[in-house]
């Protein structure tokens, strides 16, 4: 049975989680930053281990990116 994708924060301090990710990118090139993001996605996807949840997350993330691009146009 698949778990549902959780879209509410599960962190006791969401700002600290955000800062941790932002700080991980500080001082590295754009190419290294993209590689870090890709590695992080793959590591966390493996941790989730649920293809249905991953599919929902990919769909949601892609929709947000497309919506943001359209809003900026």
PDB file of N, CA and C in Angstrom:
ATOM      1  N   UNK A   1       0.832  -1.192   0.000  1.00  0.00           N
ATOM      2  CA  UNK A   1       0.000   0.000   0.000  1.00  0.00           C
ATOM      3  C   UNK A   1       0.873   1.250   0.000  1.00  0.00           C
ATOM      4  N   UNK A   2       0.545   2.194  -0.834  1.00  0.00           N
ATOM      5  CA  UNK A   2       1.302   3.431  -0.942  1.00  0.00           C
ATOM      6  C   UNK A   2       0.825   4.464   0.067  1.00  0.00           C
ATOM      7  N   UNK A   3       1.778   5.219   0.561  1.00  0.00           N
ATOM      8  CA  UNK A   3       1.441   6.344   1.425  1.00  0.00           C
ATOM      9  C   UNK A   3       1.099   7.536   0.539  1.00  0.00           C
ATOM     10  N   UNK A   4       0.326   8.445   1.072  1.00  0.00           N
ATOM     11  CA  UNK A   4      -0.011   9.663   0.339  1.00  0.00           C
ATOM     12  C   UNK A   4       1.141  10.656   0.470  1.00  0.00           C
ATOM     13  N   UNK A   5       1.320  11.463  -0.552  1.00  0.00           N
ATOM     14  CA  UNK A   5       2.330  12.500  -0.525  1.00  0.00           C
ATOM     15  C   UNK A   5       1.944  13.548   0.511  1.00  0.00           C
ATOM     16  N   UNK A   6       2.841  13.815   1.436  1.00  0.00           N
ATOM     17  CA  UNK A   6       2.619  14.845   2.443  1.00  0.00           C
ATOM     18  C   UNK A   6       3.127  16.170   1.905  1.00  0.00           C
ATOM     19  N   UNK A   7       2.258  17.169   1.849  1.00  0.00           N
ATOM     20  CA  UNK A   7       2.666  18.485   1.341  1.00  0.00           C
ATOM     21  C   UNK A   7       2.693  19.544   2.448  1.00  0.00           C
ATOM     22  N   UNK A   8       2.450  19.121   3.671  1.00  0.00           N
ATOM     23  CA  UNK A   8       2.600  20.037   4.803  1.00  0.00           C
ATOM     24  C   UNK A   8       3.956  19.773   5.437  1.00  0.00           C
ATOM     25  N   UNK A   9       4.498  20.776   6.097  1.00  0.00           N
ATOM     26  CA  UNK A   9       5.825  20.636   6.683  1.00  0.00           C
ATOM     27  C   UNK A   9       5.828  19.580   7.785  1.00  0.00           C
ATOM     28  N   UNK A  10       6.815  18.713   7.735  1.00  0.00           N
ATOM     29  CA  UNK A  10       7.019  17.709   8.780  1.00  0.00           C
ATOM     30  C   UNK A  10       8.189  18.080   9.677  1.00  0.00           C
ATOM     31  N   UNK A  11       8.740  19.277   9.476  1.00  0.00           N
ATOM     32  CA  UNK A  11       9.878  19.733  10.264  1.00  0.00           C
ATOM     33  C   UNK A  11       9.400  20.581  11.436  1.00  0.00           C
ATOM     34  N   UNK A  12       9.973  20.369  12.618  1.00  0.00           N
ATOM     35  CA  UNK A  12       9.621  21.227  13.743  1.00  0.00           C
ATOM     36  C   UNK A  12      10.069  22.674  13.502  1.00  0.00           C
ATOM     37  N   UNK A  13      11.131  22.834  12.677  1.00  0.00           N
ATOM     38  CA  UNK A  13      11.623  24.163  12.330  1.00  0.00           C
ATOM     39  C   UNK A  13      11.861  24.208  10.822  1.00  0.00           C
ATOM     40  N   UNK A  14      10.809  24.478  10.034  1.00  0.00           N
ATOM     41  CA  UNK A  14      10.954  24.479   8.581  1.00  0.00           C
ATOM     42  C   UNK A  14      11.981  25.487   8.078  1.00  0.00           C
ATOM     43  N   UNK A  15      12.119  26.611   8.766  1.00  0.00           N
ATOM     44  CA  UNK A  15      13.103  27.612   8.348  1.00  0.00           C
ATOM     45  C   UNK A  15      14.524  27.068   8.467  1.00  0.00           C
ATOM     46  N   UNK A  16      14.785  26.293   9.491  1.00  0.00           N
ATOM     47  CA  UNK A  16      16.115  25.691   9.669  1.00  0.00           C
ATOM     48  C   UNK A  16      16.393  24.687   8.551  1.00  0.00           C
ATOM     49  N   UNK A  17      15.379  23.934   8.149  1.00  0.00           N
ATOM     50  CA  UNK A  17      15.542  22.983   7.047  1.00  0.00           C
ATOM     51  C   UNK A  17      15.858  23.731   5.758  1.00  0.00           C
ATOM     52  N   UNK A  18      15.152  24.820   5.509  1.00  0.00           N
ATOM     53  CA  UNK A  18      15.391  25.644   4.322  1.00  0.00           C
ATOM     54  C   UNK A  18      16.805  26.208   4.347  1.00  0.00           C
ATOM     55  N   UNK A  19      17.209  26.754   5.492  1.00  0.00           N
ATOM     56  CA  UNK A  19      18.551  27.327   5.615  1.00  0.00           C
ATOM     57  C   UNK A  19      19.630  26.271   5.370  1.00  0.00           C
ATOM     58  N   UNK A  20      19.410  25.055   5.858  1.00  0.00           N
ATOM     59  CA  UNK A  20      20.372  23.976   5.667  1.00  0.00           C
ATOM     60  C   UNK A  20      20.601  23.708   4.178  1.00  0.00           C
ATOM     61  N   UNK A  21      19.516  23.680   3.412  1.00  0.00           N
ATOM     62  CA  UNK A  21      19.618  23.440   1.967  1.00  0.00           C
ATOM     63  C   UNK A  21      20.293  24.617   1.276  1.00  0.00           C
ATOM     64  N   UNK A  22      19.908  25.832   1.635  1.00  0.00           N
ATOM     65  CA  UNK A  22      20.514  27.025   1.030  1.00  0.00           C
ATOM     66  C   UNK A  22      22.008  27.070   1.343  1.00  0.00           C
ATOM     67  N   UNK A  23      22.372  26.820   2.569  1.00  0.00           N
ATOM     68  CA  UNK A  23      23.779  26.858   2.977  1.00  0.00           C
ATOM     69  C   UNK A  23      24.603  25.791   2.273  1.00  0.00           C
ATOM     70  N   UNK A  24      24.001  24.658   1.953  1.00  0.00           N
ATOM     71  CA  UNK A  24      24.723  23.600   1.247  1.00  0.00           C
ATOM     72  C   UNK A  24      25.170  24.070  -0.135  1.00  0.00           C
ATOM     73  N   UNK A  25      24.479  25.052  -0.702  1.00  0.00           N
ATOM     74  CA  UNK A  25      24.799  25.566  -2.037  1.00  0.00           C
ATOM     75  C   UNK A  25      25.783  26.742  -2.002  1.00  0.00           C
ATOM     76  N   UNK A  26      26.015  27.272  -0.831  1.00  0.00           N
ATOM     77  CA  UNK A  26      26.884  28.451  -0.722  1.00  0.00           C
ATOM     78  C   UNK A  26      28.329  28.082  -1.069  1.00  0.00           C
ATOM     79  N   UNK A  27      28.933  28.891  -1.948  1.00  0.00           N
ATOM     80  CA  UNK A  27      30.342  28.712  -2.263  1.00  0.00           C
ATOM     81  C   UNK A  27      30.633  27.662  -3.327  1.00  0.00           C
ATOM     82  N   UNK A  28      29.589  27.115  -3.956  1.00  0.00           N
ATOM     83  CA  UNK A  28      29.834  26.147  -5.024  1.00  0.00           C
ATOM     84  C   UNK A  28      29.306  26.708  -6.347  1.00  0.00           C
ATOM     85  N   UNK A  29      29.817  26.173  -7.433  1.00  0.00           N
ATOM     86  CA  UNK A  29      29.430  26.667  -8.754  1.00  0.00           C
ATOM     87  C   UNK A  29      27.996  26.262  -9.087  1.00  0.00           C
ATOM     88  N   UNK A  30      27.447  26.883 -10.132  1.00  0.00           N
ATOM     89  CA  UNK A  30      26.103  26.514 -10.585  1.00  0.00           C
ATOM     90  C   UNK A  30      26.052  25.042 -10.977  1.00  0.00           C
ATOM     91  N   UNK A  31      27.107  24.551 -11.623  1.00  0.00           N
ATOM     92  CA  UNK A  31      27.164  23.146 -12.019  1.00  0.00           C
ATOM     93  C   UNK A  31      27.190  22.229 -10.795  1.00  0.00           C
ATOM     94  N   UNK A  32      27.980  22.582  -9.802  1.00  0.00           N
ATOM     95  CA  UNK A  32      28.026  21.793  -8.565  1.00  0.00           C
ATOM     96  C   UNK A  32      26.692  21.866  -7.830  1.00  0.00           C
ATOM     97  N   UNK A  33      26.057  23.031  -7.872  1.00  0.00           N
ATOM     98  CA  UNK A  33      24.760  23.205  -7.229  1.00  0.00           C
ATOM     99  C   UNK A  33      23.708  22.297  -7.866  1.00  0.00           C
ATOM    100  N   UNK A  34      23.709  22.237  -9.197  1.00  0.00           N
ATOM    101  CA  UNK A  34      22.769  21.360  -9.902  1.00  0.00           C
ATOM    102  C   UNK A  34      23.060  19.894  -9.579  1.00  0.00           C
ATOM    103  N   UNK A  35      24.344  19.542  -9.498  1.00  0.00           N
ATOM    104  CA  UNK A  35      24.715  18.162  -9.153  1.00  0.00           C
ATOM    105  C   UNK A  35      24.306  17.828  -7.718  1.00  0.00           C
ATOM    106  N   UNK A  36      24.467  18.792  -6.809  1.00  0.00           N
ATOM    107  CA  UNK A  36      24.037  18.603  -5.422  1.00  0.00           C
ATOM    108  C   UNK A  36      22.531  18.365  -5.360  1.00  0.00           C
ATOM    109  N   UNK A  37      21.765  19.190  -6.079  1.00  0.00           N
ATOM    110  CA  UNK A  37      20.307  19.019  -6.102  1.00  0.00           C
ATOM    111  C   UNK A  37      19.922  17.644  -6.632  1.00  0.00           C
ATOM    112  N   UNK A  38      20.555  17.221  -7.724  1.00  0.00           N
ATOM    113  CA  UNK A  38      20.245  15.917  -8.308  1.00  0.00           C
ATOM    114  C   UNK A  38      20.582  14.789  -7.333  1.00  0.00           C
ATOM    115  N   UNK A  39      21.741  14.880  -6.694  1.00  0.00           N
ATOM    116  CA  UNK A  39      22.131  13.842  -5.738  1.00  0.00           C
ATOM    117  C   UNK A  39      21.168  13.808  -4.556  1.00  0.00           C
ATOM    118  N   UNK A  40      20.796  14.979  -4.068  1.00  0.00           N
ATOM    119  CA  UNK A  40      19.869  15.062  -2.941  1.00  0.00           C
ATOM    120  C   UNK A  40      18.516  14.459  -3.298  1.00  0.00           C
ATOM    121  N   UNK A  41      18.020  14.758  -4.497  1.00  0.00           N
ATOM    122  CA  UNK A  41      16.743  14.201  -4.952  1.00  0.00           C
ATOM    123  C   UNK A  41      16.816  12.678  -4.997  1.00  0.00           C
ATOM    124  N   UNK A  42      17.882  12.146  -5.568  1.00  0.00           N
ATOM    125  CA  UNK A  42      18.001  10.688  -5.683  1.00  0.00           C
ATOM    126  C   UNK A  42      18.134  10.015  -4.320  1.00  0.00           C
ATOM    127  N   UNK A  43      18.904  10.617  -3.425  1.00  0.00           N
ATOM    128  CA  UNK A  43      19.064  10.058  -2.077  1.00  0.00           C
ATOM    129  C   UNK A  43      17.728  10.055  -1.335  1.00  0.00           C
ATOM    130  N   UNK A  44      17.007  11.172  -1.388  1.00  0.00           N
ATOM    131  CA  UNK A  44      15.723  11.264  -0.691  1.00  0.00           C
ATOM    132  C   UNK A  44      14.656  10.396  -1.355  1.00  0.00           C
ATOM    133  N   UNK A  45      14.678  10.292  -2.693  1.00  0.00           N
ATOM    134  CA  UNK A  45      13.732   9.408  -3.388  1.00  0.00           C
ATOM    135  C   UNK A  45      13.951   7.965  -2.956  1.00  0.00           C
ATOM    136  N   UNK A  46      15.207   7.572  -2.850  1.00  0.00           N
ATOM    137  CA  UNK A  46      15.502   6.217  -2.382  1.00  0.00           C
ATOM    138  C   UNK A  46      15.020   6.021  -0.948  1.00  0.00           C
ATOM    139  N   UNK A  47      15.199   7.035  -0.121  1.00  0.00           N
ATOM    140  CA  UNK A  47      14.752   6.948   1.272  1.00  0.00           C
ATOM    141  C   UNK A  47      13.235   6.764   1.352  1.00  0.00           C
ATOM    142  N   UNK A  48      12.515   7.489   0.504  1.00  0.00           N
ATOM    143  CA  UNK A  48      11.051   7.363   0.465  1.00  0.00           C
ATOM    144  C   UNK A  48      10.674   5.952   0.038  1.00  0.00           C
ATOM    145  N   UNK A  49      11.276   5.496  -1.052  1.00  0.00           N
ATOM    146  CA  UNK A  49      11.087   4.121  -1.492  1.00  0.00           C
ATOM    147  C   UNK A  49       9.688   3.769  -1.956  1.00  0.00           C
ATOM    148  N   UNK A  50       8.908   4.738  -2.320  1.00  0.00           N
ATOM    149  CA  UNK A  50       7.526   4.498  -2.742  1.00  0.00           C
ATOM    150  C   UNK A  50       7.324   5.182  -4.087  1.00  0.00           C
ATOM    151  N   UNK A  51       7.191   4.386  -5.146  1.00  0.00           N
ATOM    152  CA  UNK A  51       7.104   4.934  -6.489  1.00  0.00           C
ATOM    153  C   UNK A  51       5.882   5.829  -6.675  1.00  0.00           C
ATOM    154  N   UNK A  52       4.768   5.480  -6.068  1.00  0.00           N
ATOM    155  CA  UNK A  52       3.562   6.301  -6.202  1.00  0.00           C
ATOM    156  C   UNK A  52       3.763   7.673  -5.554  1.00  0.00           C
ATOM    157  N   UNK A  53       4.378   7.713  -4.399  1.00  0.00           N
ATOM    158  CA  UNK A  53       4.645   8.986  -3.725  1.00  0.00           C
ATOM    159  C   UNK A  53       5.648   9.795  -4.547  1.00  0.00           C
ATOM    160  N   UNK A  54       6.678   9.126  -5.056  1.00  0.00           N
ATOM    161  CA  UNK A  54       7.655   9.814  -5.890  1.00  0.00           C
ATOM    162  C   UNK A  54       6.990  10.381  -7.144  1.00  0.00           C
ATOM    163  N   UNK A  55       6.124   9.604  -7.763  1.00  0.00           N
ATOM    164  CA  UNK A  55       5.414  10.071  -8.962  1.00  0.00           C
ATOM    165  C   UNK A  55       4.596  11.320  -8.636  1.00  0.00           C
ATOM    166  N   UNK A  56       3.879  11.303  -7.510  1.00  0.00           N
ATOM    167  CA  UNK A  56       3.084  12.468  -7.104  1.00  0.00           C
ATOM    168  C   UNK A  56       3.977  13.681  -6.855  1.00  0.00           C
ATOM    169  N   UNK A  57       5.129  13.461  -6.225  1.00  0.00           N
ATOM    170  CA  UNK A  57       6.048  14.556  -5.926  1.00  0.00           C
ATOM    171  C   UNK A  57       6.614  15.157  -7.211  1.00  0.00           C
ATOM    172  N   UNK A  58       6.992  14.309  -8.165  1.00  0.00           N
ATOM    173  CA  UNK A  58       7.518  14.792  -9.440  1.00  0.00           C
ATOM    174  C   UNK A  58       6.456  15.606 -10.169  1.00  0.00           C
ATOM    175  N   UNK A  59       5.233  15.114 -10.185  1.00  0.00           N
ATOM    176  CA  UNK A  59       4.136  15.826 -10.842  1.00  0.00           C
ATOM    177  C   UNK A  59       3.905  17.190 -10.206  1.00  0.00           C
ATOM    178  N   UNK A  60       3.876  17.238  -8.880  1.00  0.00           N
ATOM    179  CA  UNK A  60       3.657  18.494  -8.172  1.00  0.00           C
ATOM    180  C   UNK A  60       4.799  19.477  -8.409  1.00  0.00           C
ATOM    181  N   UNK A  61       6.030  19.002  -8.322  1.00  0.00           N
ATOM    182  CA  UNK A  61       7.180  19.874  -8.523  1.00  0.00           C
ATOM    183  C   UNK A  61       7.212  20.427  -9.944  1.00  0.00           C
ATOM    184  N   UNK A  62       6.948  19.561 -10.919  1.00  0.00           N
ATOM    185  CA  UNK A  62       6.954  20.008 -12.307  1.00  0.00           C
ATOM    186  C   UNK A  62       5.855  21.036 -12.547  1.00  0.00           C
ATOM    187  N   UNK A  63       4.682  20.802 -11.983  1.00  0.00           N
ATOM    188  CA  UNK A  63       3.571  21.748 -12.130  1.00  0.00           C
ATOM    189  C   UNK A  63       3.947  23.099 -11.545  1.00  0.00           C
ATOM    190  N   UNK A  64       4.595  23.095 -10.385  1.00  0.00           N
ATOM    191  CA  UNK A  64       4.992  24.363  -9.756  1.00  0.00           C
ATOM    192  C   UNK A  64       5.998  25.113 -10.608  1.00  0.00           C
ATOM    193  N   UNK A  65       6.955  24.402 -11.179  1.00  0.00           N
ATOM    194  CA  UNK A  65       7.963  25.041 -12.023  1.00  0.00           C
ATOM    195  C   UNK A  65       7.313  25.633 -13.269  1.00  0.00           C
ATOM    196  N   UNK A  66       6.431  24.878 -13.903  1.00  0.00           N
ATOM    197  CA  UNK A  66       5.754  25.359 -15.117  1.00  0.00           C
ATOM    198  C   UNK A  66       4.869  26.550 -14.776  1.00  0.00           C
ATOM    199  N   UNK A  67       4.121  26.479 -13.679  1.00  0.00           N
ATOM    200  CA  UNK A  67       3.261  27.595 -13.267  1.00  0.00           C
ATOM    201  C   UNK A  67       4.069  28.849 -12.994  1.00  0.00           C
ATOM    202  N   UNK A  68       5.222  28.709 -12.328  1.00  0.00           N
ATOM    203  CA  UNK A  68       6.075  29.866 -12.025  1.00  0.00           C
ATOM    204  C   UNK A  68       6.608  30.491 -13.307  1.00  0.00           C
ATOM    205  N   UNK A  69       7.001  29.651 -14.273  1.00  0.00           N
ATOM    206  CA  UNK A  69       7.511  30.168 -15.537  1.00  0.00           C
ATOM    207  C   UNK A  69       6.414  30.921 -16.280  1.00  0.00           C
ATOM    208  N   UNK A  70       5.200  30.375 -16.277  1.00  0.00           N
ATOM    209  CA  UNK A  70       4.103  31.019 -16.973  1.00  0.00           C
ATOM    210  C   UNK A  70       3.722  32.327 -16.296  1.00  0.00           C
ATOM    211  N   UNK A  71       3.778  32.357 -14.985  1.00  0.00           N
ATOM    212  CA  UNK A  71       3.444  33.583 -14.251  1.00  0.00           C
ATOM    213  C   UNK A  71       4.472  34.680 -14.505  1.00  0.00           C
ATOM    214  N   UNK A  72       5.721  34.279 -14.724  1.00  0.00           N
ATOM    215  CA  UNK A  72       6.777  35.253 -14.971  1.00  0.00           C
ATOM    216  C   UNK A  72       6.758  35.789 -16.396  1.00  0.00           C
ATOM    217  N   UNK A  73       6.060  35.092 -17.289  1.00  0.00           N
ATOM    218  CA  UNK A  73       6.025  35.510 -18.698  1.00  0.00           C
ATOM    219  C   UNK A  73       5.071  36.651 -18.940  1.00  0.00           C
TER     220      UNK A  73
END
